[in-house]
PDB file of N, CA and C in Angstrom:
ATOM      1  N   MET A   1       9.003   5.889   1.081  1.00  0.00           N
ATOM      2  CA  MET A   1       7.725   5.321   1.054  1.00  0.00           C
ATOM      3  C   MET A   1       6.644   6.097   1.979  1.00  0.00           C
ATOM      4  N   ILE A   2       5.660   6.194   1.718  1.00  0.00           N
ATOM      5  CA  ILE A   2       4.493   6.934   2.792  1.00  0.00           C
ATOM      6  C   ILE A   2       3.955   6.062   3.363  1.00  0.00           C
ATOM      7  N   ALA A   3       2.574   6.619   4.161  1.00  0.00           N
ATOM      8  CA  ALA A   3       2.226   5.766   5.098  1.00  0.00           C
ATOM      9  C   ALA A   3       1.336   6.205   5.826  1.00  0.00           C
ATOM     10  N   LYS A   4      -0.008   5.920   6.195  1.00  0.00           N
ATOM     11  CA  LYS A   4      -1.092   6.550   6.703  1.00  0.00           C
ATOM     12  C   LYS A   4      -1.504   5.633   7.450  1.00  0.00           C
ATOM     13  N   LYS A   5      -1.615   5.369   8.176  1.00  0.00           N
ATOM     14  CA  LYS A   5      -2.702   4.763   9.353  1.00  0.00           C
ATOM     15  C   LYS A   5      -4.444   5.474  10.089  1.00  0.00           C
ATOM     16  N   HIS A   6      -5.264   4.076   9.187  1.00  0.00           N
ATOM     17  CA  HIS A   6      -6.506   4.959   9.751  1.00  0.00           C
ATOM     18  C   HIS A   6      -7.180   4.031  10.472  1.00  0.00           C
ATOM     19  N   GLU A   7      -7.984   5.466  11.780  1.00  0.00           N
ATOM     20  CA  GLU A   7      -8.202   3.819  12.801  1.00  0.00           C
ATOM     21  C   GLU A   7      -9.713   4.185  12.837  1.00  0.00           C
ATOM     22  N   HIS A   8     -10.700   3.199  12.444  1.00  0.00           N
ATOM     23  CA  HIS A   8     -11.826   3.444  13.004  1.00  0.00           C
ATOM     24  C   HIS A   8     -11.790   2.180  14.310  1.00  0.00           C
ATOM     25  N   GLU A   9     -13.234   3.225  14.952  1.00  0.00           N
ATOM     26  CA  GLU A   9     -13.217   1.838  16.188  1.00  0.00           C
ATOM     27  C   GLU A   9     -13.319   1.019  16.844  1.00  0.00           C
ATOM     28  N   THR A  10     -13.395  -0.139  15.459  1.00  0.00           N
ATOM     29  CA  THR A  10     -13.334  -1.496  15.225  1.00  0.00           C
ATOM     30  C   THR A  10     -12.238  -1.387  14.366  1.00  0.00           C
ATOM     31  N   THR A  11     -11.926  -1.203  14.167  1.00  0.00           N
ATOM     32  CA  THR A  11     -10.321  -2.164  12.591  1.00  0.00           C
ATOM     33  C   THR A  11      -9.644  -0.101  12.184  1.00  0.00           C
ATOM     34  N   SER A  12      -8.338  -0.804  11.660  1.00  0.00           N
ATOM     35  CA  SER A  12      -7.418  -0.226  11.255  1.00  0.00           C
ATOM     36  C   SER A  12      -6.580  -0.184  10.149  1.00  0.00           C
ATOM     37  N   VAL A  13      -6.903   0.556   8.823  1.00  0.00           N
ATOM     38  CA  VAL A  13      -5.941   0.052   8.110  1.00  0.00           C
ATOM     39  C   VAL A  13      -4.643   1.051   7.945  1.00  0.00           C
ATOM     40  N   LEU A  14      -4.216  -0.037   7.524  1.00  0.00           N
ATOM     41  CA  LEU A  14      -2.730   1.650   6.080  1.00  0.00           C
ATOM     42  C   LEU A  14      -2.758   1.337   5.097  1.00  0.00           C
ATOM     43  N   ALA A  15      -2.177   3.139   4.697  1.00  0.00           N
ATOM     44  CA  ALA A  15      -2.188   3.482   3.059  1.00  0.00           C
ATOM     45  C   ALA A  15      -1.261   3.146   2.456  1.00  0.00           C
ATOM     46  N   VAL A  16       0.071   2.586   2.424  1.00  0.00           N
ATOM     47  CA  VAL A  16       1.725   2.838   1.487  1.00  0.00           C
ATOM     48  C   VAL A  16       1.923   2.871   0.974  1.00  0.00           C
ATOM     49  N   CYS A  17       2.407   3.797   0.359  1.00  0.00           N
ATOM     50  CA  CYS A  17       2.902   3.320  -1.318  1.00  0.00           C
ATOM     51  C   CYS A  17       4.584   4.252  -1.446  1.00  0.00           C
ATOM     52  N   ASP A  18       4.609   3.510  -2.323  1.00  0.00           N
ATOM     53  CA  ASP A  18       6.044   4.451  -3.035  1.00  0.00           C
ATOM     54  C   ASP A  18       6.151   6.042  -3.079  1.00  0.00           C
ATOM     55  N   LYS A  19       7.121   6.768  -2.188  1.00  0.00           N
ATOM     56  CA  LYS A  19       7.138   8.067  -2.102  1.00  0.00           C
ATOM     57  C   LYS A  19       6.074   8.512  -4.068  1.00  0.00           C
ATOM     58  N   GLU A  20       7.042   8.159  -4.825  1.00  0.00           N
ATOM     59  CA  GLU A  20       7.108   8.894  -6.278  1.00  0.00           C
ATOM     60  C   GLU A  20       5.294   8.870  -6.898  1.00  0.00           C
ATOM     61  N   HIS A  21       4.760   8.210  -5.932  1.00  0.00           N
ATOM     62  CA  HIS A  21       3.463   8.126  -6.607  1.00  0.00           C
ATOM     63  C   HIS A  21       2.138   8.645  -6.198  1.00  0.00           C
ATOM     64  N   LEU A  22       2.645   8.996  -4.506  1.00  0.00           N
ATOM     65  CA  LEU A  22       1.615  10.344  -4.187  1.00  0.00           C
ATOM     66  C   LEU A  22       0.766  11.506  -5.009  1.00  0.00           C
ATOM     67  N   GLY A  23      -0.074  11.306  -5.028  1.00  0.00           N
ATOM     68  CA  GLY A  23      -1.215  12.441  -5.434  1.00  0.00           C
ATOM     69  C   GLY A  23      -1.300  11.578  -7.261  1.00  0.00           C
ATOM     70  N   LYS A  24      -0.561  11.360  -7.810  1.00  0.00           N
ATOM     71  CA  LYS A  24      -1.012  11.110  -8.970  1.00  0.00           C
ATOM     72  C   LYS A  24      -2.313  10.152  -9.087  1.00  0.00           C
ATOM     73  N   THR A  25      -2.240   9.602 -11.014  1.00  0.00           N
ATOM     74  CA  THR A  25      -3.673   8.637 -10.812  1.00  0.00           C
ATOM     75  C   THR A  25      -2.844   7.954 -12.094  1.00  0.00           C
ATOM     76  N   TYR A  26      -3.327   6.696 -12.069  1.00  0.00           N
ATOM     77  CA  TYR A  26      -2.884   6.025 -13.427  1.00  0.00           C
ATOM     78  C   TYR A  26      -4.188   4.840 -13.560  1.00  0.00           C
ATOM     79  N   GLU A  27      -4.173   5.216 -15.218  1.00  0.00           N
ATOM     80  CA  GLU A  27      -4.802   4.450 -15.911  1.00  0.00           C
ATOM     81  C   GLU A  27      -4.437   3.154 -16.442  1.00  0.00           C
ATOM     82  N   ASP A  28      -5.004   2.487 -16.443  1.00  0.00           N
ATOM     83  CA  ASP A  28      -4.784   1.091 -17.592  1.00  0.00           C
ATOM     84  C   ASP A  28      -5.721   0.444 -18.299  1.00  0.00           C
ATOM     85  N   GLY A  29      -6.763   0.598 -19.201  1.00  0.00           N
ATOM     86  CA  GLY A  29      -7.012  -0.549 -19.915  1.00  0.00           C
ATOM     87  C   GLY A  29      -8.789   0.107 -18.589  1.00  0.00           C
ATOM     88  N   LYS A  30      -9.315  -1.277 -18.072  1.00  0.00           N
ATOM     89  CA  LYS A  30     -10.319  -0.532 -16.990  1.00  0.00           C
ATOM     90  C   LYS A  30     -10.018  -0.752 -16.201  1.00  0.00           C
ATOM     91  N   LEU A  31      -8.929  -0.631 -15.805  1.00  0.00           N
ATOM     92  CA  LEU A  31      -7.796  -0.379 -14.319  1.00  0.00           C
ATOM     93  C   LEU A  31      -8.029   1.205 -14.667  1.00  0.00           C
ATOM     94  N   PHE A  32      -7.873   1.277 -12.622  1.00  0.00           N
ATOM     95  CA  PHE A  32      -8.319   2.393 -12.798  1.00  0.00           C
ATOM     96  C   PHE A  32      -7.960   2.586 -10.898  1.00  0.00           C
ATOM     97  N   PHE A  33      -6.400   3.824 -10.536  1.00  0.00           N
ATOM     98  CA  PHE A  33      -6.095   4.215  -9.537  1.00  0.00           C
ATOM     99  C   PHE A  33      -5.625   4.757  -8.971  1.00  0.00           C
ATOM    100  N   ASN A  34      -5.963   6.229  -8.298  1.00  0.00           N
ATOM    101  CA  ASN A  34      -5.862   7.399  -7.507  1.00  0.00           C
ATOM    102  C   ASN A  34      -5.553   6.928  -6.649  1.00  0.00           C
ATOM    103  N   VAL A  35      -3.922   7.190  -6.479  1.00  0.00           N
ATOM    104  CA  VAL A  35      -2.742   8.101  -5.455  1.00  0.00           C
ATOM    105  C   VAL A  35      -3.438   8.945  -4.275  1.00  0.00           C
ATOM    106  N   SER A  36      -4.584   9.043  -3.682  1.00  0.00           N
ATOM    107  CA  SER A  36      -5.328   9.994  -3.469  1.00  0.00           C
ATOM    108  C   SER A  36      -4.080  10.106  -1.933  1.00  0.00           C
ATOM    109  N   GLU A  37      -3.762  11.664  -2.308  1.00  0.00           N
ATOM    110  CA  GLU A  37      -3.217  12.295  -0.690  1.00  0.00           C
ATOM    111  C   GLU A  37      -3.934  12.245   0.211  1.00  0.00           C
ATOM    112  N   ARG A  38      -5.308  12.538   0.005  1.00  0.00           N
ATOM    113  CA  ARG A  38      -6.027  12.591   1.530  1.00  0.00           C
ATOM    114  C   ARG A  38      -5.718  10.885   2.081  1.00  0.00           C
ATOM    115  N   PHE A  39      -5.993  10.212   1.179  1.00  0.00           N
ATOM    116  CA  PHE A  39      -5.995   8.870   1.686  1.00  0.00           C
ATOM    117  C   PHE A  39      -4.065   7.842   2.271  1.00  0.00           C
ATOM    118  N   PHE A  40      -3.740   7.824   1.241  1.00  0.00           N
ATOM    119  CA  PHE A  40      -1.909   8.182   1.550  1.00  0.00           C
ATOM    120  C   PHE A  40      -1.173   8.650   1.876  1.00  0.00           C
ATOM    121  N   SER A  41      -1.183  10.042   1.999  1.00  0.00           N
ATOM    122  CA  SER A  41      -0.264  11.104   2.382  1.00  0.00           C
ATOM    123  C   SER A  41      -0.402  11.093   4.432  1.00  0.00           C
ATOM    124  N   GLY A  42       1.081  10.783   4.680  1.00  0.00           N
ATOM    125  CA  GLY A  42       1.179  10.848   6.166  1.00  0.00           C
ATOM    126  C   GLY A  42       2.627  10.630   6.182  1.00  0.00           C
ATOM    127  N   GLU A  43       2.871  10.430   6.899  1.00  0.00           N
ATOM    128  CA  GLU A  43       4.583  10.420   7.420  1.00  0.00           C
ATOM    129  C   GLU A  43       5.770   9.633   6.547  1.00  0.00           C
ATOM    130  N   GLU A  44       6.538   9.929   6.088  1.00  0.00           N
ATOM    131  CA  GLU A  44       7.774   8.531   4.888  1.00  0.00           C
ATOM    132  C   GLU A  44       8.641   7.838   6.536  1.00  0.00           C
ATOM    133  N   ILE A  45       8.742   6.904   5.399  1.00  0.00           N
ATOM    134  CA  ILE A  45       9.154   5.734   6.424  1.00  0.00           C
ATOM    135  C   ILE A  45       9.874   4.839   5.165  1.00  0.00           C
ATOM    136  N   GLY A  46      10.952   3.789   6.066  1.00  0.00           N
ATOM    137  CA  GLY A  46      11.515   3.279   5.893  1.00  0.00           C
ATOM    138  C   GLY A  46      11.117   1.597   5.932  1.00  0.00           C
ATOM    139  N   GLU A  47      11.851   0.557   5.153  1.00  0.00           N
ATOM    140  CA  GLU A  47      11.617  -0.588   5.522  1.00  0.00           C
ATOM    141  C   GLU A  47      10.733  -1.374   7.126  1.00  0.00           C
ATOM    142  N   ASN A  48      11.784  -1.193   7.602  1.00  0.00           N
ATOM    143  CA  ASN A  48      11.682  -1.507   9.279  1.00  0.00           C
ATOM    144  C   ASN A  48      10.420  -0.514   9.750  1.00  0.00           C
ATOM    145  N   GLU A  49      10.268   0.246   9.583  1.00  0.00           N
ATOM    146  CA  GLU A  49       8.797   0.743   9.777  1.00  0.00           C
ATOM    147  C   GLU A  49       7.589   0.000   9.577  1.00  0.00           C
ATOM    148  N   LEU A  50       7.669  -0.361   8.418  1.00  0.00           N
ATOM    149  CA  LEU A  50       6.702  -1.021   7.359  1.00  0.00           C
ATOM    150  C   LEU A  50       6.651  -1.639   8.269  1.00  0.00           C
ATOM    151  N   ILE A  51       7.415  -2.905   8.026  1.00  0.00           N
ATOM    152  CA  ILE A  51       7.219  -4.101   8.402  1.00  0.00           C
ATOM    153  C   ILE A  51       6.255  -4.259  10.294  1.00  0.00           C
ATOM    154  N   GLU A  52       7.000  -2.959  10.693  1.00  0.00           N
ATOM    155  CA  GLU A  52       6.558  -2.532  12.046  1.00  0.00           C
ATOM    156  C   GLU A  52       4.607  -2.550  12.528  1.00  0.00           C
ATOM    157  N   LEU A  53       4.528  -1.386  11.142  1.00  0.00           N
ATOM    158  CA  LEU A  53       3.041  -0.867  10.625  1.00  0.00           C
ATOM    159  C   LEU A  53       2.254  -2.054  10.715  1.00  0.00           C
ATOM    160  N   ILE A  54       2.748  -3.096   9.691  1.00  0.00           N
ATOM    161  CA  ILE A  54       1.891  -3.889   9.309  1.00  0.00           C
ATOM    162  C   ILE A  54       0.889  -5.560  10.481  1.00  0.00           C
ATOM    163  N   LYS A  55       1.608  -5.078  11.176  1.00  0.00           N
ATOM    164  CA  LYS A  55       1.959  -5.731  12.634  1.00  0.00           C
ATOM    165  C   LYS A  55       0.758  -5.351  13.322  1.00  0.00           C
ATOM    166  N   GLU A  56       0.125  -3.856  13.219  1.00  0.00           N
ATOM    167  CA  GLU A  56      -0.971  -3.306  14.336  1.00  0.00           C
ATOM    168  C   GLU A  56      -2.108  -2.975  13.082  1.00  0.00           C
ATOM    169  N   VAL A  57      -2.315  -2.982  12.036  1.00  0.00           N
ATOM    170  CA  VAL A  57      -3.374  -3.089  11.404  1.00  0.00           C
ATOM    171  C   VAL A  57      -4.281  -4.480  10.798  1.00  0.00           C
ATOM    172  N   ASP A  58      -5.839  -3.897  10.378  1.00  0.00           N
ATOM    173  CA  ASP A  58      -6.120  -5.078   9.782  1.00  0.00           C
ATOM    174  C   ASP A  58      -6.626  -4.918   8.749  1.00  0.00           C
ATOM    175  N   SER A  59      -6.351  -3.717   7.850  1.00  0.00           N
ATOM    176  CA  SER A  59      -5.714  -4.181   6.438  1.00  0.00           C
ATOM    177  C   SER A  59      -4.887  -3.521   5.701  1.00  0.00           C
ATOM    178  N   ILE A  60      -4.546  -3.688   4.514  1.00  0.00           N
ATOM    179  CA  ILE A  60      -3.358  -2.806   3.692  1.00  0.00           C
ATOM    180  C   ILE A  60      -4.133  -2.698   2.801  1.00  0.00           C
ATOM    181  N   ASN A  61      -3.296  -1.559   2.305  1.00  0.00           N
ATOM    182  CA  ASN A  61      -2.661  -0.577   0.697  1.00  0.00           C
ATOM    183  C   ASN A  61      -1.857  -0.190   0.032  1.00  0.00           C
ATOM    184  N   PHE A  62      -1.444  -1.579  -1.041  1.00  0.00           N
ATOM    185  CA  PHE A  62       0.006  -0.746  -0.861  1.00  0.00           C
ATOM    186  C   PHE A  62      -0.273  -0.415  -2.256  1.00  0.00           C
ATOM    187  N   PHE A  63       0.674   0.576  -2.893  1.00  0.00           N
ATOM    188  CA  PHE A  63       0.884   0.799  -4.163  1.00  0.00           C
ATOM    189  C   PHE A  63       2.459   1.418  -4.786  1.00  0.00           C
ATOM    190  N   GLY A  64       3.073   0.763  -5.129  1.00  0.00           N
ATOM    191  CA  GLY A  64       4.359   1.222  -5.533  1.00  0.00           C
ATOM    192  C   GLY A  64       5.249  -0.286  -5.382  1.00  0.00           C
ATOM    193  N   ASN A  65       6.292  -0.492  -6.624  1.00  0.00           N
ATOM    194  CA  ASN A  65       6.978  -1.095  -6.575  1.00  0.00           C
ATOM    195  C   ASN A  65       7.380  -2.084  -5.622  1.00  0.00           C
ATOM    196  N   LYS A  66       8.328  -1.220  -4.609  1.00  0.00           N
ATOM    197  CA  LYS A  66       9.406  -1.102  -3.502  1.00  0.00           C
ATOM    198  C   LYS A  66       8.077  -1.771  -2.214  1.00  0.00           C
ATOM    199  N   CYS A  67       6.869  -0.473  -2.187  1.00  0.00           N
ATOM    200  CA  CYS A  67       6.643  -1.738  -0.762  1.00  0.00           C
ATOM    201  C   CYS A  67       5.574  -2.882  -1.548  1.00  0.00           C
ATOM    202  N   VAL A  68       4.918  -2.802  -2.305  1.00  0.00           N
ATOM    203  CA  VAL A  68       4.616  -3.702  -2.746  1.00  0.00           C
ATOM    204  C   VAL A  68       5.976  -5.807  -2.258  1.00  0.00           C
ATOM    205  N   GLU A  69       6.840  -4.933  -2.862  1.00  0.00           N
ATOM    206  CA  GLU A  69       7.470  -6.056  -3.048  1.00  0.00           C
ATOM    207  C   GLU A  69       8.380  -6.416  -1.896  1.00  0.00           C
ATOM    208  N   ILE A  70       8.671  -5.650  -0.633  1.00  0.00           N
ATOM    209  CA  ILE A  70       8.449  -5.887   1.104  1.00  0.00           C
ATOM    210  C   ILE A  70       7.362  -6.989   1.226  1.00  0.00           C
ATOM    211  N   ALA A  71       6.109  -6.262   1.445  1.00  0.00           N
ATOM    212  CA  ALA A  71       5.108  -7.290   1.689  1.00  0.00           C
ATOM    213  C   ALA A  71       5.523  -8.734   1.232  1.00  0.00           C
ATOM    214  N   GLN A  72       5.920  -8.912  -0.396  1.00  0.00           N
ATOM    215  CA  GLN A  72       6.073 -10.526  -0.391  1.00  0.00           C
ATOM    216  C   GLN A  72       7.166 -11.245   0.194  1.00  0.00           C
ATOM    217  N   LYS A  73       8.326  -9.846   0.702  1.00  0.00           N
ATOM    218  CA  LYS A  73       9.238 -10.253   1.217  1.00  0.00           C
ATOM    219  C   LYS A  73       8.480 -11.296   2.660  1.00  0.00           C
ATOM    220  N   GLU A  74       7.499 -10.391   3.225  1.00  0.00           N
ATOM    221  CA  GLU A  74       7.280 -10.622   4.530  1.00  0.00           C
ATOM    222  C   GLU A  74       6.333 -12.053   4.342  1.00  0.00           C
ATOM    223  N   GLY A  75       6.071 -12.197   3.337  1.00  0.00           N
ATOM    224  CA  GLY A  75       4.938 -13.558   2.611  1.00  0.00           C
ATOM    225  C   GLY A  75       3.719 -12.836   2.990  1.00  0.00           C
ATOM    226  N   LEU A  76       3.140 -11.666   3.269  1.00  0.00           N
ATOM    227  CA  LEU A  76       2.134 -11.550   3.037  1.00  0.00           C
ATOM    228  C   LEU A  76       1.011 -11.172   1.772  1.00  0.00           C
ATOM    229  N   ILE A  77       1.553 -11.312   1.377  1.00  0.00           N
ATOM    230  CA  ILE A  77       1.238 -11.169  -0.481  1.00  0.00           C
ATOM    231  C   ILE A  77       2.100 -12.507  -1.557  1.00  0.00           C
ATOM    232  N   SER A  78       1.054 -13.144  -2.429  1.00  0.00           N
ATOM    233  CA  SER A  78       2.139 -13.692  -3.154  1.00  0.00           C
ATOM    234  C   SER A  78       1.798 -12.849  -5.035  1.00  0.00           C
ATOM    235  N   GLU A  79       2.182 -13.567  -5.730  1.00  0.00           N
ATOM    236  CA  GLU A  79       2.421 -12.813  -7.070  1.00  0.00           C
ATOM    237  C   GLU A  79       1.334 -12.686  -7.840  1.00  0.00           C
ATOM    238  N   SER A  80       0.573 -14.023  -7.206  1.00  0.00           N
ATOM    239  CA  SER A  80      -1.147 -13.603  -7.776  1.00  0.00           C
ATOM    240  C   SER A  80      -1.719 -12.972  -7.163  1.00  0.00           C
ATOM    241  N   ASN A  81      -1.918 -12.507  -6.041  1.00  0.00           N
ATOM    242  CA  ASN A  81      -2.593 -11.984  -5.819  1.00  0.00           C
ATOM    243  C   ASN A  81      -2.254 -10.629  -5.685  1.00  0.00           C
ATOM    244  N   VAL A  82      -1.346 -10.336  -7.044  1.00  0.00           N
ATOM    245  CA  VAL A  82      -0.596  -8.147  -7.030  1.00  0.00           C
ATOM    246  C   VAL A  82      -1.451  -8.301  -8.110  1.00  0.00           C
ATOM    247  N   ILE A  83      -1.505  -7.278  -8.458  1.00  0.00           N
ATOM    248  CA  ILE A  83      -2.455  -6.389 -10.118  1.00  0.00           C
ATOM    249  C   ILE A  83      -1.398  -5.165 -10.337  1.00  0.00           C
ATOM    250  N   THR A  84      -1.040  -5.148 -11.113  1.00  0.00           N
ATOM    251  CA  THR A  84      -0.163  -3.891 -12.464  1.00  0.00           C
ATOM    252  C   THR A  84      -0.653  -3.129 -12.993  1.00  0.00           C
ATOM    253  N   ILE A  85      -0.271  -1.932 -12.380  1.00  0.00           N
ATOM    254  CA  ILE A  85      -1.108  -0.454 -13.286  1.00  0.00           C
ATOM    255  C   ILE A  85       0.513   0.151 -14.297  1.00  0.00           C
ATOM    256  N   LYS A  86      -0.075   0.719 -14.973  1.00  0.00           N
ATOM    257  CA  LYS A  86       1.170   1.091 -15.891  1.00  0.00           C
ATOM    258  C   LYS A  86       2.032   0.712 -15.166  1.00  0.00           C
ATOM    259  N   GLY A  87       2.652  -0.980 -15.570  1.00  0.00           N
ATOM    260  CA  GLY A  87       4.055  -0.864 -14.652  1.00  0.00           C
ATOM    261  C   GLY A  87       4.212  -1.174 -12.773  1.00  0.00           C
ATOM    262  N   PHE A  88       3.349  -0.615 -12.366  1.00  0.00           N
ATOM    263  CA  PHE A  88       3.560   0.002 -10.942  1.00  0.00           C
ATOM    264  C   PHE A  88       2.314  -1.537 -10.068  1.00  0.00           C
ATOM    265  N   LYS A  89       3.108  -1.767  -8.976  1.00  0.00           N
ATOM    266  CA  LYS A  89       2.165  -3.115  -8.496  1.00  0.00           C
ATOM    267  C   LYS A  89       1.207  -2.206  -7.443  1.00  0.00           C
ATOM    268  N   HIS A  90       0.530  -3.209  -7.286  1.00  0.00           N
ATOM    269  CA  HIS A  90      -0.820  -2.399  -6.757  1.00  0.00           C
ATOM    270  C   HIS A  90      -1.319  -3.991  -5.582  1.00  0.00           C
ATOM    271  N   ALA A  91      -1.749  -3.720  -4.149  1.00  0.00           N
ATOM    272  CA  ALA A  91      -1.832  -4.973  -3.569  1.00  0.00           C
ATOM    273  C   ALA A  91      -2.782  -4.673  -2.170  1.00  0.00           C
ATOM    274  N   GLN A  92      -4.154  -5.483  -2.411  1.00  0.00           N
ATOM    275  CA  GLN A  92      -4.399  -5.331  -0.440  1.00  0.00           C
ATOM    276  C   GLN A  92      -4.275  -6.700   0.523  1.00  0.00           C
ATOM    277  N   VAL A  93      -4.453  -6.742   1.532  1.00  0.00           N
ATOM    278  CA  VAL A  93      -4.311  -7.539   2.705  1.00  0.00           C
ATOM    279  C   VAL A  93      -5.113  -7.530   3.768  1.00  0.00           C
ATOM    280  N   TYR A  94      -6.182  -8.341   3.602  1.00  0.00           N
ATOM    281  CA  TYR A  94      -7.305  -8.322   4.729  1.00  0.00           C
ATOM    282  C   TYR A  94      -6.363  -9.062   5.335  1.00  0.00           C
ATOM    283  N   LYS A  95      -6.619  -8.808   7.045  1.00  0.00           N
ATOM    284  CA  LYS A  95      -5.984 -10.219   7.326  1.00  0.00           C
ATOM    285  C   LYS A  95      -7.826 -10.564   8.359  1.00  0.00           C
ATOM    286  N   ILE A  96      -7.801 -12.044   8.443  1.00  0.00           N
ATOM    287  CA  ILE A  96      -8.797 -12.540   9.145  1.00  0.00           C
ATOM    288  C   ILE A  96      -8.916 -13.276  10.425  1.00  0.00           C
TER     289      ILE A  96
END
């Protein structure tokens, strides 16, 4: 997986994607998703690193079956909050 933490004055966003999706664009009917290198390109991480990064941010943007399934396993996302584009899972998490 690839993750990039975006820090702003009052919030932080984590962009996470499965490595094979970086730089690709997916369209499926009315759904469109660009896994842009500008937003997602960061460091390669494993499951434990992802779990730690999740604790540090205010919102998370996931693209890819592996990273979404880890978030589901950690109780951050339910299946009803996941959309699928061309067979690949996408979800967003906002901490309140």
